Amino acid sequence: MASTEKSLTQAHRFLVRGRVQGVGFRWFVEREAHILQIAGWVRNNPDGSVEVLAMGTREQLAGLRTRLLEGPRAARVDDVEESDAEPFAALNSFQVRGA
């Protein structure tokens, strides 16, 4: 059963734009990823966006996208760009990068 679950795992890259730095957005994403049991990372980009690389089932990633669109209370999300990414075996947890 576990091998079937692994084959359903997908990786997506999310680029979140708006007022998403300096408002606790990365820690919000980390908390939501833990709740959804998603592996990956989140980091601030120099252009003011926040980048998320996430790995999980289609349902888990859809749940994360919904949460990214909402963001934490102090944030303002203008856009979430989503693209496929290569699944990565090295990560089995979720982490904030560049903290």
C-alpha atoms as a PDB file:
ATOM      1  CA  MET A   1       0.000   0.000   0.000  1.00  0.00           C
ATOM      2  CA  ALA A   2       2.825   2.408   0.812  1.00  0.00           C
ATOM      3  CA  SER A   3       4.316   2.045  -2.688  1.00  0.00           C
ATOM      4  CA  THR A   4       0.947   3.020  -4.213  1.00  0.00           C
ATOM      5  CA  GLU A   5       0.846   6.075  -1.982  1.00  0.00           C
ATOM      6  CA  LYS A   6       4.380   7.046  -3.056  1.00  0.00           C
ATOM      7  CA  SER A   7       3.411   6.857  -6.741  1.00  0.00           C
ATOM      8  CA  LEU A   8       0.597   9.350  -6.091  1.00  0.00           C
ATOM      9  CA  THR A   9       3.037  11.857  -4.610  1.00  0.00           C
ATOM     10  CA  GLN A  10       3.485  15.032  -6.624  1.00  0.00           C
ATOM     11  CA  ALA A  11       5.742  18.054  -6.221  1.00  0.00           C
ATOM     12  CA  HIS A  12       4.636  21.615  -6.919  1.00  0.00           C
ATOM     13  CA  ARG A  13       6.365  24.975  -6.775  1.00  0.00           C
ATOM     14  CA  PHE A  14       4.296  27.918  -5.560  1.00  0.00           C
ATOM     15  CA  LEU A  15       5.336  31.539  -5.988  1.00  0.00           C
ATOM     16  CA  VAL A  16       3.311  33.830  -3.727  1.00  0.00           C
ATOM     17  CA  ARG A  17       3.213  37.572  -4.418  1.00  0.00           C
ATOM     18  CA  GLY A  18       1.771  40.475  -2.441  1.00  0.00           C
ATOM     19  CA  ARG A  19       2.600  41.657   1.076  1.00  0.00           C
ATOM     20  CA  VAL A  20       4.068  38.305   2.061  1.00  0.00           C
ATOM     21  CA  GLN A  21       7.428  39.144   3.651  1.00  0.00           C
ATOM     22  CA  GLY A  22       7.793  40.439   7.198  1.00  0.00           C
ATOM     23  CA  VAL A  23       4.294  39.254   8.150  1.00  0.00           C
ATOM     24  CA  GLY A  24       5.032  35.709   9.395  1.00  0.00           C
ATOM     25  CA  PHE A  25       4.135  34.133   6.057  1.00  0.00           C
ATOM     26  CA  ARG A  26       6.900  31.495   6.103  1.00  0.00           C
ATOM     27  CA  TRP A  27       5.941  30.314   9.578  1.00  0.00           C
ATOM     28  CA  PHE A  28       2.279  30.250   8.540  1.00  0.00           C
ATOM     29  CA  VAL A  29       3.208  28.035   5.567  1.00  0.00           C
ATOM     30  CA  GLU A  30       5.322  25.766   7.765  1.00  0.00           C
ATOM     31  CA  ARG A  31       2.431  25.280  10.210  1.00  0.00           C
ATOM     32  CA  GLU A  32      -0.078  24.564   7.435  1.00  0.00           C
ATOM     33  CA  ALA A  33       2.326  22.119   5.746  1.00  0.00           C
ATOM     34  CA  HIS A  34       2.726  20.230   9.035  1.00  0.00           C
ATOM     35  CA  ILE A  35      -1.054  20.058   9.444  1.00  0.00           C
ATOM     36  CA  LEU A  36      -1.416  18.749   5.874  1.00  0.00           C
ATOM     37  CA  GLN A  37       1.602  16.404   6.277  1.00  0.00           C
ATOM     38  CA  ILE A  38       3.425  17.929   3.308  1.00  0.00           C
ATOM     39  CA  ALA A  39       7.210  17.772   2.840  1.00  0.00           C
ATOM     40  CA  GLY A  40       9.251  20.611   1.369  1.00  0.00           C
ATOM     41  CA  TRP A  41      10.433  24.117   2.168  1.00  0.00           C
ATOM     42  CA  VAL A  42       9.497  27.800   2.089  1.00  0.00           C
ATOM     43  CA  ARG A  43      11.797  30.793   1.593  1.00  0.00           C
ATOM     44  CA  ASN A  44      11.739  34.529   0.900  1.00  0.00           C
ATOM     45  CA  ASN A  45      12.954  35.616  -2.536  1.00  0.00           C
ATOM     46  CA  PRO A  46      14.924  38.841  -3.150  1.00  0.00           C
ATOM     47  CA  ASP A  47      12.046  40.227  -5.293  1.00  0.00           C
ATOM     48  CA  GLY A  48       9.655  40.239  -2.303  1.00  0.00           C
ATOM     49  CA  SER A  49       7.847  37.030  -3.206  1.00  0.00           C
ATOM     50  CA  VAL A  50       7.737  33.837  -1.143  1.00  0.00           C
ATOM     51  CA  GLU A  51       8.626  30.537  -2.807  1.00  0.00           C
ATOM     52  CA  VAL A  52       7.283  27.175  -1.645  1.00  0.00           C
ATOM     53  CA  LEU A  53       8.372  23.749  -2.835  1.00  0.00           C
ATOM     54  CA  ALA A  54       5.884  21.162  -1.612  1.00  0.00           C
ATOM     55  CA  MET A  55       5.474  17.420  -2.030  1.00  0.00           C
ATOM     56  CA  GLY A  56       2.295  15.497  -1.297  1.00  0.00           C
ATOM     57  CA  THR A  57      -0.836  14.069  -2.852  1.00  0.00           C
ATOM     58  CA  ARG A  58      -2.975  16.110  -5.218  1.00  0.00           C
ATOM     59  CA  GLU A  59      -5.445  16.700  -2.355  1.00  0.00           C
ATOM     60  CA  GLN A  60      -2.717  17.823   0.059  1.00  0.00           C
ATOM     61  CA  LEU A  61      -1.266  20.245  -2.504  1.00  0.00           C
ATOM     62  CA  ALA A  62      -4.720  21.634  -3.324  1.00  0.00           C
ATOM     63  CA  GLY A  63      -5.256  22.222   0.397  1.00  0.00           C
ATOM     64  CA  LEU A  64      -1.936  24.036   0.642  1.00  0.00           C
ATOM     65  CA  ARG A  65      -2.792  26.229  -2.363  1.00  0.00           C
ATOM     66  CA  THR A  66      -6.065  27.236  -0.670  1.00  0.00           C
ATOM     67  CA  ARG A  67      -4.179  28.187   2.493  1.00  0.00           C
ATOM     68  CA  LEU A  68      -1.517  30.091   0.522  1.00  0.00           C
ATOM     69  CA  LEU A  69      -4.265  32.175  -1.113  1.00  0.00           C
ATOM     70  CA  GLU A  70      -5.597  33.079   2.363  1.00  0.00           C
ATOM     71  CA  GLY A  71      -2.255  33.672   4.088  1.00  0.00           C
ATOM     72  CA  PRO A  72      -1.846  34.843   7.678  1.00  0.00           C
ATOM     73  CA  ARG A  73      -3.897  37.786   8.926  1.00  0.00           C
ATOM     74  CA  ALA A  74      -1.178  40.425   8.368  1.00  0.00           C
ATOM     75  CA  ALA A  75      -0.450  39.321   4.792  1.00  0.00           C
ATOM     76  CA  ARG A  76      -2.042  40.372   1.513  1.00  0.00           C
ATOM     77  CA  VAL A  77      -1.811  37.715  -1.183  1.00  0.00           C
ATOM     78  CA  ASP A  78      -2.147  39.141  -4.701  1.00  0.00           C
ATOM     79  CA  ASP A  79      -1.195  36.054  -6.699  1.00  0.00           C
ATOM     80  CA  VAL A  80      -0.173  32.408  -6.301  1.00  0.00           C
ATOM     81  CA  GLU A  81       1.626  30.972  -9.314  1.00  0.00           C
ATOM     82  CA  GLU A  82       1.762  27.168  -9.321  1.00  0.00           C
ATOM     83  CA  SER A  83       3.901  24.863 -11.449  1.00  0.00           C
ATOM     84  CA  ASP A  84       4.950  21.228 -11.435  1.00  0.00           C
ATOM     85  CA  ALA A  85       8.308  20.369  -9.922  1.00  0.00           C
ATOM     86  CA  GLU A  86      10.448  17.260  -9.746  1.00  0.00           C
ATOM     87  CA  PRO A  87       9.606  15.113  -6.692  1.00  0.00           C
ATOM     88  CA  PHE A  88      12.478  15.036  -4.220  1.00  0.00           C
ATOM     89  CA  ALA A  89      13.247  12.028  -2.055  1.00  0.00           C
ATOM     90  CA  ALA A  90      15.717  13.757   0.275  1.00  0.00           C
ATOM     91  CA  LEU A  91      13.100  15.742   2.211  1.00  0.00           C
ATOM     92  CA  ASN A  92      10.574  14.058   4.459  1.00  0.00           C
ATOM     93  CA  SER A  93       9.689  17.094   6.570  1.00  0.00           C
ATOM     94  CA  PHE A  94       8.906  20.764   5.959  1.00  0.00           C
ATOM     95  CA  GLN A  95      11.317  23.574   6.766  1.00  0.00           C
ATOM     96  CA  VAL A  96      11.664  27.332   6.692  1.00  0.00           C
ATOM     97  CA  ARG A  97      14.766  28.347   4.763  1.00  0.00           C
ATOM     98  CA  GLY A  98      16.708  31.547   5.235  1.00  0.00           C
ATOM     99  CA  ALA A  99      15.182  32.278   8.649  1.00  0.00           C
END
